[in-house]
Amino acid sequence: MIVDQNEEPCVVGFLTRDGAALIPPGCVASLYVDEGNRVVERGELVAVDATGNPVQAISSTLGNEQPLTGPIDPRRVLDHLTTAVYQLDATEVGAALAAKLAGGDIFEGRFSYRGGFGDSAMFLLQNDAGFFALIGSPTNFEFVSRDLPAAEDDENDEAIDDDDELDFGMM
């Protein structure tokens, strides 16, 4: 245990970014502080976008019809991190959509379980077990690969040069 000059135990504290205030343990999670280190009540908080403009809250998508786009390229699903999978009880599916889903097509829509200030991508698909919604967020990961030269067709590929073999006894 670490103690101060009076033999009192030391506790962890947190400095604000500007160094103007010391926040004792347990206080960080229980309050919001503005730039002037004044406490802001939860009801006074306003969600804003990257430019500082207020963001409108969205409602839950559960039980509400959502527009779909598609069919989409299946690779689009792979560009997302799937965070939830829901098996759907499809009570009403249009004949055209049902036929496309049965044929393996995938459709995309938006999903928000509770509502709030953000939603997720929803991919609608069907397999032998039924209808499914894959919920996810973009990975923002760009796949990269090395450009490899084309393999040359050499008639002597089957012949192995003994000088190129690795001898593990040398190690």
Protein backbone atom coordinates (compact mmCIF):
# COMPACT_ATOMS: atom_id res chain seq x y z
CA MET A 1 0.00 0.00 0.00
CA ILE A 2 1.25 3.47 -0.85
CA VAL A 3 0.91 6.10 1.90
CA ASP A 4 1.55 9.82 2.10
CA GLN A 5 3.80 11.67 4.58
CA ASN A 6 1.10 11.31 7.29
CA GLU A 7 0.87 7.54 6.75
CA GLU A 8 -2.60 7.95 5.17
CA PRO A 9 -3.32 5.57 2.24
CA CYS A 10 -3.12 7.17 -1.20
CA VAL A 11 -5.99 6.72 -3.66
CA VAL A 12 -6.03 7.03 -7.41
CA GLY A 13 -7.37 10.31 -8.80
CA PHE A 14 -7.79 11.61 -12.34
CA LEU A 15 -6.73 15.00 -13.69
CA THR A 16 -8.90 16.68 -16.27
CA ARG A 17 -7.25 17.20 -19.65
CA ASP A 18 -6.43 20.81 -18.85
CA GLY A 19 -5.09 19.87 -15.39
CA ALA A 20 -7.49 22.26 -13.66
CA ALA A 21 -9.42 19.68 -11.63
CA LEU A 22 -8.63 16.50 -9.72
CA ILE A 23 -11.44 13.96 -9.86
CA PRO A 24 -11.56 11.41 -7.03
CA PRO A 25 -12.28 7.70 -7.69
CA GLY A 26 -15.88 6.81 -8.46
CA CYS A 27 -16.86 10.25 -9.74
CA VAL A 28 -15.99 9.79 -13.38
CA ALA A 29 -18.87 7.46 -14.17
CA SER A 30 -21.50 9.32 -12.18
CA LEU A 31 -21.42 12.80 -13.72
CA TYR A 32 -20.86 14.75 -16.91
CA VAL A 33 -18.58 17.77 -16.95
CA ASP A 34 -18.42 20.53 -19.57
CA GLU A 35 -15.33 22.38 -20.82
CA GLY A 36 -15.45 24.71 -17.81
CA ASN A 37 -15.50 21.72 -15.37
CA ARG A 38 -19.13 22.44 -14.46
CA VAL A 39 -21.46 19.49 -13.85
CA VAL A 40 -24.04 18.98 -16.62
CA GLU A 41 -27.25 17.14 -15.76
CA ARG A 42 -28.10 14.16 -17.97
CA GLY A 43 -31.33 15.84 -19.16
CA GLU A 44 -29.33 18.80 -20.48
CA LEU A 45 -27.15 16.66 -22.75
CA VAL A 46 -27.68 17.06 -26.49
CA ALA A 47 -26.30 14.69 -29.11
CA VAL A 48 -24.40 16.46 -31.89
CA ASP A 49 -22.67 15.36 -35.09
CA ALA A 50 -19.03 15.95 -36.02
CA THR A 51 -19.81 19.54 -37.06
CA GLY A 52 -21.66 20.37 -33.81
CA ASN A 53 -25.19 20.27 -35.23
CA PRO A 54 -27.86 18.56 -33.10
CA VAL A 55 -28.72 14.99 -34.11
CA GLN A 56 -32.33 13.85 -34.23
CA ALA A 57 -33.10 10.70 -32.21
CA ILE A 58 -34.49 7.74 -34.13
CA SER A 59 -37.15 5.35 -32.91
CA SER A 60 -36.80 1.60 -32.55
CA THR A 61 -37.25 -0.35 -35.76
CA LEU A 62 -38.81 -3.32 -33.95
CA GLY A 63 -42.37 -3.93 -35.13
CA ASN A 64 -42.09 -1.21 -37.78
CA GLU A 65 -41.80 -1.77 -41.53
CA GLN A 66 -38.37 -0.81 -42.83
CA PRO A 67 -37.41 -0.05 -46.43
CA LEU A 68 -35.05 -2.57 -47.99
CA THR A 69 -32.46 -2.14 -50.71
CA GLY A 70 -31.24 -4.93 -52.87
CA PRO A 71 -30.54 -7.48 -53.81
CA ILE A 72 -27.03 -6.53 -52.68
CA ASP A 73 -23.63 -8.01 -53.41
CA PRO A 74 -23.04 -10.70 -50.73
CA ARG A 75 -19.54 -9.28 -50.19
CA ARG A 76 -21.20 -6.25 -48.58
CA VAL A 77 -22.13 -8.45 -45.59
CA LEU A 78 -18.45 -9.34 -45.21
CA ASP A 79 -17.61 -5.64 -44.93
CA HIS A 80 -19.52 -5.58 -41.64
CA LEU A 81 -18.85 -6.97 -38.18
CA THR A 82 -21.94 -9.02 -37.33
CA THR A 83 -22.96 -8.28 -33.74
CA ALA A 84 -26.32 -10.08 -33.60
CA VAL A 85 -28.29 -12.66 -35.56
CA TYR A 86 -32.08 -12.82 -35.28
CA GLN A 87 -34.22 -15.64 -36.62
CA LEU A 88 -37.35 -13.94 -37.89
CA ASP A 89 -40.93 -15.11 -37.65
CA ALA A 90 -42.01 -13.93 -41.09
CA THR A 91 -45.79 -13.53 -40.90
CA GLU A 92 -46.10 -11.49 -44.11
CA VAL A 93 -43.56 -11.59 -46.93
CA GLY A 94 -44.41 -10.36 -50.42
CA ALA A 95 -44.25 -12.99 -53.15
CA ALA A 96 -41.52 -11.17 -55.11
CA LEU A 97 -39.31 -10.70 -52.02
CA ALA A 98 -39.90 -14.28 -50.87
CA ALA A 99 -38.87 -15.63 -54.28
CA LYS A 100 -35.66 -13.57 -54.32
CA LEU A 101 -34.75 -14.55 -50.76
CA ALA A 102 -35.43 -18.22 -51.55
CA GLY A 103 -33.08 -17.86 -54.52
CA GLY A 104 -30.24 -16.73 -52.25
CA ASP A 105 -30.47 -12.95 -52.66
CA ILE A 106 -29.68 -10.70 -49.69
CA PHE A 107 -31.36 -7.39 -48.89
CA GLU A 108 -30.20 -4.55 -46.67
CA GLY A 109 -32.07 -2.25 -44.30
CA ARG A 110 -31.50 -0.35 -41.05
CA PHE A 111 -31.95 -1.66 -37.48
CA SER A 112 -32.22 -0.04 -34.05
CA TYR A 113 -33.28 -2.23 -31.15
CA ARG A 114 -34.10 0.48 -28.59
CA GLY A 115 -33.95 3.64 -30.68
CA GLY A 116 -31.61 6.48 -29.81
CA PHE A 117 -28.95 8.23 -31.85
CA GLY A 118 -27.57 5.42 -33.94
CA ASP A 119 -28.65 2.45 -35.95
CA SER A 120 -26.96 -0.53 -37.55
CA ALA A 121 -27.00 -2.25 -40.89
CA MET A 122 -29.44 -5.16 -41.15
CA PHE A 123 -29.01 -7.87 -43.77
CA LEU A 124 -32.07 -9.98 -44.54
CA LEU A 125 -31.50 -13.48 -45.90
CA GLN A 126 -33.09 -16.90 -45.98
CA ASN A 127 -31.81 -20.47 -45.78
CA ASP A 128 -33.36 -23.88 -45.12
CA ALA A 129 -33.91 -22.98 -41.45
CA GLY A 130 -35.88 -19.79 -42.17
CA PHE A 131 -35.49 -16.03 -42.42
CA PHE A 132 -32.62 -14.27 -40.64
CA ALA A 133 -31.51 -10.71 -39.93
CA LEU A 134 -27.77 -10.18 -39.51
CA ILE A 135 -27.07 -6.97 -37.59
CA GLY A 136 -23.71 -5.32 -37.94
CA SER A 137 -21.52 -2.28 -38.26
CA PRO A 138 -19.00 -1.45 -40.98
CA THR A 139 -15.51 -2.75 -40.31
CA ASN A 140 -13.90 0.08 -42.28
CA PHE A 141 -11.23 -2.46 -43.14
CA GLU A 142 -9.86 -2.47 -46.64
CA PHE A 143 -8.59 -5.81 -47.83
CA VAL A 144 -5.17 -5.65 -49.39
CA SER A 145 -3.14 -8.19 -51.26
CA ARG A 146 0.22 -8.44 -52.91
CA ASP A 147 0.25 -8.40 -56.66
CA LEU A 148 1.96 -11.64 -57.49
CA PRO A 149 3.49 -12.27 -60.90
CA ALA A 150 1.79 -14.91 -62.98
CA ALA A 151 3.26 -18.38 -62.64
CA GLU A 152 5.32 -19.36 -65.65
CA ASP A 153 4.55 -22.64 -67.33
CA ASP A 154 7.95 -24.31 -67.26
CA GLU A 155 8.36 -27.84 -68.53
CA ASN A 156 11.14 -28.38 -65.99
CA ASP A 157 8.98 -27.55 -62.91
CA GLU A 158 8.86 -31.21 -61.96
CA ALA A 159 12.63 -31.49 -61.71
CA ILE A 160 13.82 -30.49 -58.26
CA ASP A 161 17.26 -28.99 -57.87
CA ASP A 162 18.95 -30.77 -54.98
CA ASP A 163 21.04 -27.68 -54.23
CA ASP A 164 17.90 -25.75 -53.18
CA GLU A 165 16.77 -28.28 -50.58
CA LEU A 166 16.94 -27.31 -46.92
CA ASP A 167 18.91 -29.63 -44.68
CA PHE A 168 17.52 -29.39 -41.12
CA GLY A 169 20.61 -31.23 -39.85
CA MET A 170 22.60 -28.07 -40.56
CA MET A 171 20.74 -26.14 -37.84
